PDB file of N, CA and C in Angstrom:
ATOM      1  N   MET A   1       0.845  -1.176   0.000  1.00  0.00           N
ATOM      2  CA  MET A   1       0.000   0.000   0.000  1.00  0.00           C
ATOM      3  C   MET A   1       0.891   1.240   0.000  1.00  0.00           C
ATOM      4  N   ALA A   2       0.653   2.125  -0.910  1.00  0.00           N
ATOM      5  CA  ALA A   2       1.464   3.336  -1.030  1.00  0.00           C
ATOM      6  C   ALA A   2       0.804   4.491  -0.286  1.00  0.00           C
ATOM      7  N   LEU A   3       1.621   5.315   0.357  1.00  0.00           N
ATOM      8  CA  LEU A   3       1.125   6.503   1.041  1.00  0.00           C
ATOM      9  C   LEU A   3       1.020   7.660   0.060  1.00  0.00           C
ATOM     10  N   ASN A   4      -0.041   8.412   0.180  1.00  0.00           N
ATOM     11  CA  ASN A   4      -0.216   9.610  -0.626  1.00  0.00           C
ATOM     12  C   ASN A   4       0.280  10.792   0.212  1.00  0.00           C
ATOM     13  N   PRO A   5       1.399  11.419  -0.149  1.00  0.00           N
ATOM     14  CA  PRO A   5       1.952  12.497   0.682  1.00  0.00           C
ATOM     15  C   PRO A   5       1.061  13.735   0.757  1.00  0.00           C
ATOM     16  N   LYS A   6       0.162  13.911  -0.188  1.00  0.00           N
ATOM     17  CA  LYS A   6      -0.728  15.074  -0.142  1.00  0.00           C
ATOM     18  C   LYS A   6      -1.849  14.887   0.876  1.00  0.00           C
ATOM     19  N   LYS A   7      -2.228  13.640   1.133  1.00  0.00           N
ATOM     20  CA  LYS A   7      -3.300  13.362   2.087  1.00  0.00           C
ATOM     21  C   LYS A   7      -2.771  12.961   3.461  1.00  0.00           C
ATOM     22  N   THR A   8      -1.477  12.722   3.562  1.00  0.00           N
ATOM     23  CA  THR A   8      -0.878  12.275   4.814  1.00  0.00           C
ATOM     24  C   THR A   8      -0.442  13.477   5.637  1.00  0.00           C
ATOM     25  N   LYS A   9      -0.666  13.416   6.943  1.00  0.00           N
ATOM     26  CA  LYS A   9      -0.256  14.482   7.859  1.00  0.00           C
ATOM     27  C   LYS A   9       0.692  13.896   8.901  1.00  0.00           C
ATOM     28  N   ASP A  10       1.574  14.731   9.402  1.00  0.00           N
ATOM     29  CA  ASP A  10       2.549  14.345  10.411  1.00  0.00           C
ATOM     30  C   ASP A  10       2.292  15.180  11.660  1.00  0.00           C
ATOM     31  N   VAL A  11       2.217  14.518  12.818  1.00  0.00           N
ATOM     32  CA  VAL A  11       2.045  15.226  14.089  1.00  0.00           C
ATOM     33  C   VAL A  11       3.207  14.844  14.984  1.00  0.00           C
ATOM     34  N   TRP A  12       3.869  15.843  15.513  1.00  0.00           N
ATOM     35  CA  TRP A  12       4.973  15.608  16.436  1.00  0.00           C
ATOM     36  C   TRP A  12       4.465  15.877  17.840  1.00  0.00           C
ATOM     37  N   ILE A  13       4.356  14.832  18.645  1.00  0.00           N
ATOM     38  CA  ILE A  13       3.833  14.950  20.007  1.00  0.00           C
ATOM     39  C   ILE A  13       5.005  14.998  20.969  1.00  0.00           C
ATOM     40  N   CYS A  14       5.068  16.080  21.737  1.00  0.00           N
ATOM     41  CA  CYS A  14       6.159  16.267  22.691  1.00  0.00           C
ATOM     42  C   CYS A  14       5.607  16.960  23.926  1.00  0.00           C
ATOM     43  N   PHE A  15       6.060  16.515  25.103  1.00  0.00           N
ATOM     44  CA  PHE A  15       5.561  17.079  26.353  1.00  0.00           C
ATOM     45  C   PHE A  15       6.473  18.162  26.911  1.00  0.00           C
ATOM     46  N   THR A  16       7.650  18.342  26.339  1.00  0.00           N
ATOM     47  CA  THR A  16       8.563  19.395  26.791  1.00  0.00           C
ATOM     48  C   THR A  16       8.966  20.248  25.600  1.00  0.00           C
ATOM     49  N   ASP A  17       9.461  21.443  25.897  1.00  0.00           N
ATOM     50  CA  ASP A  17       9.887  22.346  24.829  1.00  0.00           C
ATOM     51  C   ASP A  17      11.370  22.211  24.514  1.00  0.00           C
ATOM     52  N   SER A  18      12.115  21.494  25.355  1.00  0.00           N
ATOM     53  CA  SER A  18      13.569  21.461  25.205  1.00  0.00           C
ATOM     54  C   SER A  18      14.064  20.483  24.140  1.00  0.00           C
ATOM     55  N   ILE A  19      13.256  19.541  23.721  1.00  0.00           N
ATOM     56  CA  ILE A  19      13.686  18.560  22.726  1.00  0.00           C
ATOM     57  C   ILE A  19      13.584  19.188  21.339  1.00  0.00           C
ATOM     58  N   PRO A  20      14.661  19.107  20.552  1.00  0.00           N
ATOM     59  CA  PRO A  20      14.577  19.689  19.202  1.00  0.00           C
ATOM     60  C   PRO A  20      13.602  18.911  18.319  1.00  0.00           C
ATOM     61  N   GLU A  21      13.014  19.634  17.413  1.00  0.00           N
ATOM     62  CA  GLU A  21      12.030  19.030  16.514  1.00  0.00           C
ATOM     63  C   GLU A  21      12.712  18.040  15.567  1.00  0.00           C
ATOM     64  N   PRO A  22      12.147  16.852  15.399  1.00  0.00           N
ATOM     65  CA  PRO A  22      12.770  15.864  14.509  1.00  0.00           C
ATOM     66  C   PRO A  22      12.645  16.295  13.042  1.00  0.00           C
ATOM     67  N   PRO A  23      13.449  15.692  12.180  1.00  0.00           N
ATOM     68  CA  PRO A  23      13.346  16.051  10.758  1.00  0.00           C
ATOM     69  C   PRO A  23      11.983  15.674  10.187  1.00  0.00           C
ATOM     70  N   ARG A  24      11.609  16.372   9.169  1.00  0.00           N
ATOM     71  CA  ARG A  24      10.305  16.125   8.544  1.00  0.00           C
ATOM     72  C   ARG A  24      10.300  14.803   7.794  1.00  0.00           C
ATOM     73  N   VAL A  25       9.116  14.198   7.737  1.00  0.00           N
ATOM     74  CA  VAL A  25       8.945  12.916   7.059  1.00  0.00           C
ATOM     75  C   VAL A  25       8.795  13.163   5.561  1.00  0.00           C
ATOM     76  N   LYS A  26       9.442  12.317   4.775  1.00  0.00           N
ATOM     77  CA  LYS A  26       9.327  12.425   3.320  1.00  0.00           C
ATOM     78  C   LYS A  26       8.793  11.121   2.755  1.00  0.00           C
ATOM     79  N   VAL A  27       7.866  11.246   1.819  1.00  0.00           N
ATOM     80  CA  VAL A  27       7.310  10.097   1.110  1.00  0.00           C
ATOM     81  C   VAL A  27       7.457  10.383  -0.380  1.00  0.00           C
ATOM     82  N   ASN A  28       8.141   9.498  -1.082  1.00  0.00           N
ATOM     83  CA  ASN A  28       8.386   9.680  -2.525  1.00  0.00           C
ATOM     84  C   ASN A  28       9.021  11.040  -2.824  1.00  0.00           C
ATOM     85  N   ASP A  29       9.992  11.433  -2.025  1.00  0.00           N
ATOM     86  CA  ASP A  29      10.712  12.711  -2.153  1.00  0.00           C
ATOM     87  C   ASP A  29       9.812  13.932  -1.978  1.00  0.00           C
ATOM     88  N   GLU A  30       8.642  13.757  -1.402  1.00  0.00           N
ATOM     89  CA  GLU A  30       7.759  14.882  -1.072  1.00  0.00           C
ATOM     90  C   GLU A  30       7.643  14.971   0.440  1.00  0.00           C
ATOM     91  N   GLU A  31       7.725  16.190   0.940  1.00  0.00           N
ATOM     92  CA  GLU A  31       7.645  16.399   2.375  1.00  0.00           C
ATOM     93  C   GLU A  31       6.191  16.326   2.839  1.00  0.00           C
ATOM     94  N   VAL A  32       5.966  15.590   3.935  1.00  0.00           N
ATOM     95  CA  VAL A  32       4.624  15.444   4.498  1.00  0.00           C
ATOM     96  C   VAL A  32       4.337  16.658   5.380  1.00  0.00           C
ATOM     97  N   GLU A  33       3.138  17.196   5.265  1.00  0.00           N
ATOM     98  CA  GLU A  33       2.751  18.382   6.039  1.00  0.00           C
ATOM     99  C   GLU A  33       2.680  18.050   7.529  1.00  0.00           C
ATOM    100  N   ARG A  34       3.284  18.912   8.360  1.00  0.00           N
ATOM    101  CA  ARG A  34       3.236  18.732   9.810  1.00  0.00           C
ATOM    102  C   ARG A  34       2.133  19.630  10.374  1.00  0.00           C
ATOM    103  N   VAL A  35       1.261  19.046  11.190  1.00  0.00           N
ATOM    104  CA  VAL A  35       0.137  19.784  11.772  1.00  0.00           C
ATOM    105  C   VAL A  35       0.252  19.784  13.294  1.00  0.00           C
ATOM    106  N   ASN A  36      -0.413  20.741  13.934  1.00  0.00           N
ATOM    107  CA  ASN A  36      -0.390  20.843  15.393  1.00  0.00           C
ATOM    108  C   ASN A  36      -1.540  20.100  16.047  1.00  0.00           C
ATOM    109  N   SER A  37      -2.575  19.806  15.289  1.00  0.00           N
ATOM    110  CA  SER A  37      -3.717  19.092  15.857  1.00  0.00           C
ATOM    111  C   SER A  37      -4.301  18.164  14.800  1.00  0.00           C
ATOM    112  N   PHE A  38      -5.043  17.169  15.281  1.00  0.00           N
ATOM    113  CA  PHE A  38      -5.662  16.209  14.375  1.00  0.00           C
ATOM    114  C   PHE A  38      -6.954  15.714  15.000  1.00  0.00           C
ATOM    115  N   LYS A  39      -7.801  15.152  14.181  1.00  0.00           N
ATOM    116  CA  LYS A  39      -9.077  14.631  14.651  1.00  0.00           C
ATOM    117  C   LYS A  39      -9.073  13.124  14.451  1.00  0.00           C
ATOM    118  N   LEU A  40      -9.301  12.395  15.530  1.00  0.00           N
ATOM    119  CA  LEU A  40      -9.293  10.942  15.489  1.00  0.00           C
ATOM    120  C   LEU A  40     -10.562  10.439  16.154  1.00  0.00           C
ATOM    121  N   LEU A  41     -11.393   9.745  15.410  1.00  0.00           N
ATOM    122  CA  LEU A  41     -12.660   9.202  15.908  1.00  0.00           C
ATOM    123  C   LEU A  41     -13.527  10.279  16.559  1.00  0.00           C
ATOM    124  N   GLY A  42     -13.552  11.460  15.961  1.00  0.00           N
ATOM    125  CA  GLY A  42     -14.401  12.537  16.443  1.00  0.00           C
ATOM    126  C   GLY A  42     -13.818  13.359  17.568  1.00  0.00           C
ATOM    127  N   VAL A  43     -12.601  13.049  18.009  1.00  0.00           N
ATOM    128  CA  VAL A  43     -11.959  13.782  19.096  1.00  0.00           C
ATOM    129  C   VAL A  43     -10.780  14.555  18.523  1.00  0.00           C
ATOM    130  N   SER A  44     -10.757  15.865  18.757  1.00  0.00           N
ATOM    131  CA  SER A  44      -9.643  16.687  18.288  1.00  0.00           C
ATOM    132  C   SER A  44      -8.539  16.675  19.328  1.00  0.00           C
ATOM    133  N   CYS A  45      -7.366  16.249  18.927  1.00  0.00           N
ATOM    134  CA  CYS A  45      -6.206  16.189  19.817  1.00  0.00           C
ATOM    135  C   CYS A  45      -5.175  17.206  19.353  1.00  0.00           C
ATOM    136  N   GLN A  46      -4.535  17.863  20.326  1.00  0.00           N
ATOM    137  CA  GLN A  46      -3.473  18.798  20.001  1.00  0.00           C
ATOM    138  C   GLN A  46      -2.130  18.123  20.231  1.00  0.00           C
ATOM    139  N   ASN A  47      -1.068  18.720  19.712  1.00  0.00           N
ATOM    140  CA  ASN A  47       0.221  18.042  19.714  1.00  0.00           C
ATOM    141  C   ASN A  47       0.846  17.879  21.096  1.00  0.00           C
ATOM    142  N   ASP A  48       0.376  18.567  22.117  1.00  0.00           N
ATOM    143  CA  ASP A  48       0.936  18.351  23.450  1.00  0.00           C
ATOM    144  C   ASP A  48       0.073  17.417  24.303  1.00  0.00           C
ATOM    145  N   LEU A  49      -1.087  17.048  23.828  1.00  0.00           N
ATOM    146  CA  LEU A  49      -2.030  16.128  24.485  1.00  0.00           C
ATOM    147  C   LEU A  49      -2.504  16.603  25.854  1.00  0.00           C
ATOM    148  N   TYR A  50      -2.194  17.838  26.234  1.00  0.00           N
ATOM    149  CA  TYR A  50      -2.674  18.382  27.504  1.00  0.00           C
ATOM    150  C   TYR A  50      -3.842  19.333  27.299  1.00  0.00           C
ATOM    151  N   LYS A  51      -3.833  20.033  26.194  1.00  0.00           N
ATOM    152  CA  LYS A  51      -4.859  21.045  25.960  1.00  0.00           C
ATOM    153  C   LYS A  51      -5.986  20.448  25.141  1.00  0.00           C
ATOM    154  N   TRP A  52      -7.185  20.828  25.507  1.00  0.00           N
ATOM    155  CA  TRP A  52      -8.374  20.353  24.800  1.00  0.00           C
ATOM    156  C   TRP A  52      -9.158  21.527  24.240  1.00  0.00           C
ATOM    157  N   ASN A  53      -8.518  22.681  24.111  1.00  0.00           N
ATOM    158  CA  ASN A  53      -9.219  23.893  23.674  1.00  0.00           C
ATOM    159  C   ASN A  53      -9.901  23.713  22.325  1.00  0.00           C
ATOM    160  N   GLU A  54      -9.197  23.132  21.385  1.00  0.00           N
ATOM    161  CA  GLU A  54      -9.760  22.987  20.042  1.00  0.00           C
ATOM    162  C   GLU A  54     -10.980  22.068  20.053  1.00  0.00           C
ATOM    163  N   HIS A  55     -10.893  20.985  20.811  1.00  0.00           N
ATOM    164  CA  HIS A  55     -12.016  20.049  20.889  1.00  0.00           C
ATOM    165  C   HIS A  55     -13.227  20.711  21.545  1.00  0.00           C
ATOM    166  N   VAL A  56     -12.985  21.430  22.637  1.00  0.00           N
ATOM    167  CA  VAL A  56     -14.082  22.120  23.326  1.00  0.00           C
ATOM    168  C   VAL A  56     -14.686  23.185  22.418  1.00  0.00           C
ATOM    169  N   ASN A  57     -13.853  23.888  21.673  1.00  0.00           N
ATOM    170  CA  ASN A  57     -14.373  24.904  20.744  1.00  0.00           C
ATOM    171  C   ASN A  57     -15.241  24.283  19.664  1.00  0.00           C
ATOM    172  N   GLN A  58     -14.861  23.120  19.176  1.00  0.00           N
ATOM    173  CA  GLN A  58     -15.679  22.443  18.164  1.00  0.00           C
ATOM    174  C   GLN A  58     -17.016  21.994  18.743  1.00  0.00           C
ATOM    175  N   ILE A  59     -17.002  21.501  19.984  1.00  0.00           N
ATOM    176  CA  ILE A  59     -18.250  21.070  20.630  1.00  0.00           C
ATOM    177  C   ILE A  59     -19.167  22.268  20.846  1.00  0.00           C
ATOM    178  N   THR A  60     -18.600  23.368  21.360  1.00  0.00           N
ATOM    179  CA  THR A  60     -19.436  24.540  21.621  1.00  0.00           C
ATOM    180  C   THR A  60     -19.976  25.136  20.325  1.00  0.00           C
ATOM    181  N   CYS A  61     -19.185  25.081  19.271  1.00  0.00           N
ATOM    182  CA  CYS A  61     -19.659  25.574  17.972  1.00  0.00           C
ATOM    183  C   CYS A  61     -20.835  24.730  17.485  1.00  0.00           C
ATOM    184  N   LYS A  62     -20.715  23.425  17.626  1.00  0.00           N
ATOM    185  CA  LYS A  62     -21.783  22.516  17.202  1.00  0.00           C
ATOM    186  C   LYS A  62     -23.045  22.744  18.045  1.00  0.00           C
ATOM    187  N   ALA A  63     -22.859  22.891  19.364  1.00  0.00           N
ATOM    188  CA  ALA A  63     -24.003  23.120  20.245  1.00  0.00           C
ATOM    189  C   ALA A  63     -24.640  24.477  19.966  1.00  0.00           C
ATOM    190  N   ASN A  64     -23.814  25.468  19.660  1.00  0.00           N
ATOM    191  CA  ASN A  64     -24.324  26.808  19.382  1.00  0.00           C
ATOM    192  C   ASN A  64     -25.230  26.820  18.157  1.00  0.00           C
ATOM    193  N   LYS A  65     -24.831  26.095  17.124  1.00  0.00           N
ATOM    194  CA  LYS A  65     -25.655  26.018  15.910  1.00  0.00           C
ATOM    195  C   LYS A  65     -27.014  25.395  16.214  1.00  0.00           C
ATOM    196  N   LYS A  66     -27.005  24.357  17.027  1.00  0.00           N
ATOM    197  CA  LYS A  66     -28.262  23.677  17.336  1.00  0.00           C
ATOM    198  C   LYS A  66     -29.117  24.497  18.297  1.00  0.00           C
ATOM    199  N   LEU A  67     -28.472  25.218  19.227  1.00  0.00           N
ATOM    200  CA  LEU A  67     -29.231  26.069  20.141  1.00  0.00           C
ATOM    201  C   LEU A  67     -29.895  27.230  19.407  1.00  0.00           C
ATOM    202  N   TYR A  68     -29.275  27.697  18.343  1.00  0.00           N
ATOM    203  CA  TYR A  68     -29.879  28.761  17.554  1.00  0.00           C
ATOM    204  C   TYR A  68     -31.249  28.316  17.040  1.00  0.00           C
ATOM    205  N   HIS A  69     -31.316  27.103  16.522  1.00  0.00           N
ATOM    206  CA  HIS A  69     -32.593  26.588  16.012  1.00  0.00           C
ATOM    207  C   HIS A  69     -33.609  26.416  17.141  1.00  0.00           C
ATOM    208  N   LEU A  70     -33.131  26.014  18.307  1.00  0.00           N
ATOM    209  CA  LEU A  70     -34.023  25.870  19.458  1.00  0.00           C
ATOM    210  C   LEU A  70     -34.607  27.229  19.858  1.00  0.00           C
ATOM    211  N   ARG A  71     -33.768  28.264  19.861  1.00  0.00           N
ATOM    212  CA  ARG A  71     -34.255  29.608  20.193  1.00  0.00           C
ATOM    213  C   ARG A  71     -35.279  30.091  19.167  1.00  0.00           C
ATOM    214  N   GLN A  72     -35.024  29.798  17.899  1.00  0.00           N
ATOM    215  CA  GLN A  72     -35.964  30.199  16.855  1.00  0.00           C
ATOM    216  C   GLN A  72     -37.312  29.504  17.032  1.00  0.00           C
ATOM    217  N   CYS A  73     -37.294  28.238  17.417  1.00  0.00           N
ATOM    218  CA  CYS A  73     -38.548  27.510  17.668  1.00  0.00           C
ATOM    219  C   CYS A  73     -39.304  28.137  18.833  1.00  0.00           C
ATOM    220  N   ARG A  74     -38.558  28.522  19.877  1.00  0.00           N
ATOM    221  CA  ARG A  74     -39.197  29.109  21.051  1.00  0.00           C
ATOM    222  C   ARG A  74     -39.795  30.476  20.709  1.00  0.00           C
ATOM    223  N   ARG A  75     -39.081  31.276  19.924  1.00  0.00           N
ATOM    224  CA  ARG A  75     -39.574  32.608  19.552  1.00  0.00           C
ATOM    225  C   ARG A  75     -40.812  32.545  18.669  1.00  0.00           C
ATOM    226  N   SER A  76     -40.845  31.571  17.778  1.00  0.00           N
ATOM    227  CA  SER A  76     -41.983  31.479  16.861  1.00  0.00           C
ATOM    228  C   SER A  76     -43.152  30.714  17.469  1.00  0.00           C
ATOM    229  N   GLN A  77     -42.999  30.281  18.716  1.00  0.00           N
ATOM    230  CA  GLN A  77     -44.058  29.606  19.481  1.00  0.00           C
ATOM    231  C   GLN A  77     -44.603  28.386  18.743  1.00  0.00           C
ATOM    232  N   LEU A  78     -43.691  27.553  18.286  1.00  0.00           N
ATOM    233  CA  LEU A  78     -44.073  26.294  17.643  1.00  0.00           C
ATOM    234  C   LEU A  78     -44.541  25.302  18.701  1.00  0.00           C
ATOM    235  N   PRO A  79     -45.189  24.214  18.309  1.00  0.00           N
ATOM    236  CA  PRO A  79     -45.626  23.212  19.285  1.00  0.00           C
ATOM    237  C   PRO A  79     -44.441  22.651  20.080  1.00  0.00           C
ATOM    238  N   THR A  80     -44.713  22.171  21.291  1.00  0.00           N
ATOM    239  CA  THR A  80     -43.646  21.689  22.171  1.00  0.00           C
ATOM    240  C   THR A  80     -42.910  20.491  21.590  1.00  0.00           C
ATOM    241  N   GLU A  81     -43.549  19.728  20.714  1.00  0.00           N
ATOM    242  CA  GLU A  81     -42.883  18.566  20.115  1.00  0.00           C
ATOM    243  C   GLU A  81     -41.655  18.990  19.307  1.00  0.00           C
ATOM    244  N   VAL A  82     -41.746  20.135  18.651  1.00  0.00           N
ATOM    245  CA  VAL A  82     -40.617  20.626  17.853  1.00  0.00           C
ATOM    246  C   VAL A  82     -39.451  20.960  18.776  1.00  0.00           C
ATOM    247  N   GLY A  83     -39.744  21.618  19.881  1.00  0.00           N
ATOM    248  CA  GLY A  83     -38.700  21.953  20.847  1.00  0.00           C
ATOM    249  C   GLY A  83     -38.066  20.719  21.447  1.00  0.00           C
ATOM    250  N   LEU A  84     -38.882  19.721  21.773  1.00  0.00           N
ATOM    251  CA  LEU A  84     -38.345  18.483  22.340  1.00  0.00           C
ATOM    252  C   LEU A  84     -37.463  17.754  21.339  1.00  0.00           C
ATOM    253  N   THR A  85     -37.825  17.799  20.079  1.00  0.00           N
ATOM    254  CA  THR A  85     -36.991  17.177  19.049  1.00  0.00           C
ATOM    255  C   THR A  85     -35.632  17.854  18.994  1.00  0.00           C
ATOM    256  N   ASN A  86     -35.626  19.181  19.037  1.00  0.00           N
ATOM    257  CA  ASN A  86     -34.362  19.904  19.004  1.00  0.00           C
ATOM    258  C   ASN A  86     -33.535  19.649  20.253  1.00  0.00           C
ATOM    259  N   ILE A  87     -34.193  19.582  21.415  1.00  0.00           N
ATOM    260  CA  ILE A  87     -33.471  19.299  22.653  1.00  0.00           C
ATOM    261  C   ILE A  87     -32.824  17.924  22.581  1.00  0.00           C
ATOM    262  N   SER A  88     -33.531  16.962  22.010  1.00  0.00           N
ATOM    263  CA  SER A  88     -32.962  15.616  21.904  1.00  0.00           C
ATOM    264  C   SER A  88     -31.768  15.578  20.953  1.00  0.00           C
ATOM    265  N   LYS A  89     -31.634  16.577  20.105  1.00  0.00           N
ATOM    266  CA  LYS A  89     -30.467  16.646  19.222  1.00  0.00           C
ATOM    267  C   LYS A  89     -29.319  17.418  19.861  1.00  0.00           C
ATOM    268  N   ILE A  90     -29.620  18.323  20.773  1.00  0.00           N
ATOM    269  CA  ILE A  90     -28.585  19.137  21.410  1.00  0.00           C
ATOM    270  C   ILE A  90     -27.943  18.409  22.584  1.00  0.00           C
ATOM    271  N   ARG A  91     -28.759  17.778  23.408  1.00  0.00           N
ATOM    272  CA  ARG A  91     -28.242  17.144  24.620  1.00  0.00           C
ATOM    273  C   ARG A  91     -27.117  16.141  24.354  1.00  0.00           C
ATOM    274  N   PRO A  92     -27.212  15.267  23.340  1.00  0.00           N
ATOM    275  CA  PRO A  92     -26.088  14.349  23.092  1.00  0.00           C
ATOM    276  C   PRO A  92     -24.787  15.070  22.747  1.00  0.00           C
ATOM    277  N   VAL A  93     -24.870  16.183  22.035  1.00  0.00           N
ATOM    278  CA  VAL A  93     -23.663  16.936  21.688  1.00  0.00           C
ATOM    279  C   VAL A  93     -23.001  17.463  22.947  1.00  0.00           C
ATOM    280  N   ILE A  94     -23.811  17.936  23.886  1.00  0.00           N
ATOM    281  CA  ILE A  94     -23.268  18.531  25.100  1.00  0.00           C
ATOM    282  C   ILE A  94     -22.744  17.476  26.064  1.00  0.00           C
ATOM    283  N   SER A  95     -23.425  16.355  26.193  1.00  0.00           N
ATOM    284  CA  SER A  95     -23.076  15.411  27.255  1.00  0.00           C
ATOM    285  C   SER A  95     -22.278  14.195  26.816  1.00  0.00           C
ATOM    286  N   MET A  96     -22.029  13.995  25.532  1.00  0.00           N
ATOM    287  CA  MET A  96     -21.336  12.767  25.135  1.00  0.00           C
ATOM    288  C   MET A  96     -19.828  12.842  25.296  1.00  0.00           C
ATOM    289  N   HIS A  97     -19.281  14.002  25.566  1.00  0.00           N
ATOM    290  CA  HIS A  97     -17.832  14.154  25.631  1.00  0.00           C
ATOM    291  C   HIS A  97     -17.320  14.232  27.068  1.00  0.00           C
ATOM    292  N   ARG A  98     -17.897  13.508  27.981  1.00  0.00           N
ATOM    293  CA  ARG A  98     -17.478  13.565  29.376  1.00  0.00           C
ATOM    294  C   ARG A  98     -16.492  12.467  29.753  1.00  0.00           C
ATOM    295  N   LEU A  99     -15.926  11.788  28.807  1.00  0.00           N
ATOM    296  CA  LEU A  99     -15.099  10.626  29.091  1.00  0.00           C
ATOM    297  C   LEU A  99     -13.612  10.943  29.156  1.00  0.00           C
ATOM    298  N   PHE A 100     -13.243  12.208  29.139  1.00  0.00           N
ATOM    299  CA  PHE A 100     -11.836  12.566  29.061  1.00  0.00           C
ATOM    300  C   PHE A 100     -11.282  12.939  30.426  1.00  0.00           C
ATOM    301  N   GLY A 101     -10.014  13.366  30.449  1.00  0.00           N
ATOM    302  CA  GLY A 101      -9.307  13.662  31.690  1.00  0.00           C
ATOM    303  C   GLY A 101      -9.788  14.917  32.378  1.00  0.00           C
ATOM    304  N   GLN A 102      -9.153  15.203  33.516  1.00  0.00           N
ATOM    305  CA  GLN A 102      -9.582  16.300  34.370  1.00  0.00           C
ATOM    306  C   GLN A 102      -9.361  17.660  33.709  1.00  0.00           C
ATOM    307  N   GLY A 103      -8.241  17.845  33.001  1.00  0.00           N
ATOM    308  CA  GLY A 103      -7.990  19.115  32.318  1.00  0.00           C
ATOM    309  C   GLY A 103      -9.083  19.430  31.320  1.00  0.00           C
ATOM    310  N   PHE A 104      -9.533  18.415  30.627  1.00  0.00           N
ATOM    311  CA  PHE A 104     -10.626  18.586  29.674  1.00  0.00           C
ATOM    312  C   PHE A 104     -11.905  18.956  30.408  1.00  0.00           C
ATOM    313  N   GLN A 105     -12.170  18.295  31.540  1.00  0.00           N
ATOM    314  CA  GLN A 105     -13.402  18.534  32.290  1.00  0.00           C
ATOM    315  C   GLN A 105     -13.518  19.981  32.747  1.00  0.00           C
ATOM    316  N   ILE A 106     -12.410  20.583  33.199  1.00  0.00           N
ATOM    317  CA  ILE A 106     -12.452  21.957  33.706  1.00  0.00           C
ATOM    318  C   ILE A 106     -12.855  22.919  32.591  1.00  0.00           C
ATOM    319  N   ILE A 107     -12.191  22.833  31.447  1.00  0.00           N
ATOM    320  CA  ILE A 107     -12.511  23.715  30.316  1.00  0.00           C
ATOM    321  C   ILE A 107     -13.926  23.447  29.830  1.00  0.00           C
ATOM    322  N   TYR A 108     -14.237  22.181  29.715  1.00  0.00           N
ATOM    323  CA  TYR A 108     -15.531  21.752  29.185  1.00  0.00           C
ATOM    324  C   TYR A 108     -16.675  22.262  30.050  1.00  0.00           C
ATOM    325  N   ASN A 109     -16.569  22.085  31.362  1.00  0.00           N
ATOM    326  CA  ASN A 109     -17.646  22.486  32.268  1.00  0.00           C
ATOM    327  C   ASN A 109     -17.862  23.992  32.263  1.00  0.00           C
ATOM    328  N   LYS A 110     -16.787  24.772  32.187  1.00  0.00           N
ATOM    329  CA  LYS A 110     -16.931  26.229  32.159  1.00  0.00           C
ATOM    330  C   LYS A 110     -17.659  26.686  30.899  1.00  0.00           C
ATOM    331  N   LYS A 111     -17.257  26.144  29.762  1.00  0.00           N
ATOM    332  CA  LYS A 111     -17.830  26.606  28.492  1.00  0.00           C
ATOM    333  C   LYS A 111     -19.254  26.121  28.277  1.00  0.00           C
ATOM    334  N   LEU A 112     -19.540  24.888  28.649  1.00  0.00           N
ATOM    335  CA  LEU A 112     -20.832  24.314  28.290  1.00  0.00           C
ATOM    336  C   LEU A 112     -21.910  24.476  29.353  1.00  0.00           C
ATOM    337  N   SER A 113     -21.574  25.066  30.498  1.00  0.00           N
ATOM    338  CA  SER A 113     -22.612  25.282  31.506  1.00  0.00           C
ATOM    339  C   SER A 113     -23.695  26.218  30.963  1.00  0.00           C
ATOM    340  N   VAL A 114     -23.305  27.159  30.130  1.00  0.00           N
ATOM    341  CA  VAL A 114     -24.268  28.079  29.509  1.00  0.00           C
ATOM    342  C   VAL A 114     -25.245  27.307  28.631  1.00  0.00           C
ATOM    343  N   TYR A 115     -24.745  26.352  27.862  1.00  0.00           N
ATOM    344  CA  TYR A 115     -25.599  25.581  26.956  1.00  0.00           C
ATOM    345  C   TYR A 115     -26.554  24.677  27.732  1.00  0.00           C
ATOM    346  N   ARG A 116     -26.061  24.105  28.817  1.00  0.00           N
ATOM    347  CA  ARG A 116     -26.939  23.251  29.628  1.00  0.00           C
ATOM    348  C   ARG A 116     -28.091  24.069  30.214  1.00  0.00           C
ATOM    349  N   GLN A 117     -27.785  25.281  30.687  1.00  0.00           N
ATOM    350  CA  GLN A 117     -28.827  26.140  31.244  1.00  0.00           C
ATOM    351  C   GLN A 117     -29.846  26.514  30.171  1.00  0.00           C
ATOM    352  N   GLU A 118     -29.375  26.770  28.975  1.00  0.00           N
ATOM    353  CA  GLU A 118     -30.272  27.138  27.869  1.00  0.00           C
ATOM    354  C   GLU A 118     -31.223  25.993  27.529  1.00  0.00           C
ATOM    355  N   VAL A 119     -30.697  24.767  27.514  1.00  0.00           N
ATOM    356  CA  VAL A 119     -31.536  23.605  27.213  1.00  0.00           C
ATOM    357  C   VAL A 119     -32.555  23.395  28.324  1.00  0.00           C
ATOM    358  N   LYS A 120     -32.143  23.549  29.590  1.00  0.00           N
ATOM    359  CA  LYS A 120     -33.080  23.394  30.711  1.00  0.00           C
ATOM    360  C   LYS A 120     -34.183  24.440  30.640  1.00  0.00           C
ATOM    361  N   LYS A 121     -33.806  25.667  30.258  1.00  0.00           N
ATOM    362  CA  LYS A 121     -34.797  26.734  30.145  1.00  0.00           C
ATOM    363  C   LYS A 121     -35.821  26.396  29.062  1.00  0.00           C
ATOM    364  N   SER A 122     -35.362  25.771  27.985  1.00  0.00           N
ATOM    365  CA  SER A 122     -36.257  25.419  26.883  1.00  0.00           C
ATOM    366  C   SER A 122     -37.168  24.252  27.226  1.00  0.00           C
ATOM    367  N   GLU A 123     -36.718  23.394  28.156  1.00  0.00           N
ATOM    368  CA  GLU A 123     -37.548  22.250  28.546  1.00  0.00           C
ATOM    369  C   GLU A 123     -38.772  22.689  29.340  1.00  0.00           C
ATOM    370  N   ASN A 124     -38.627  23.794  30.055  1.00  0.00           N
ATOM    371  CA  ASN A 124     -39.741  24.258  30.915  1.00  0.00           C
ATOM    372  C   ASN A 124     -40.803  24.980  30.153  1.00  0.00           C
TER     373      ASN A 124
END
């Protein structure tokens, strides 16, 4: 199986700043692009594996888009079934990412507490 250097990405994971960066990977005399973050099975990981900012930002962006539709349903006074359908689509986005470490939990809880309150307000 041949690697396609245009579709292949290289991530250098290091926990300290003192180690020099290794040489770039080459495939078929083409240099592979080095990235600082990557997405694996729906989870965005950064190159130091300590920060979860990018992943939390993606979750909040996704929840924000869905909450917008929920607010529009509430403003237009649609039947409660429409609101419940939207809530059932928002809640999994907010609560399915609780399986990570403590550093992730701190950032996650601060950012998404607003979204949880908004969903609870819409349920009433």
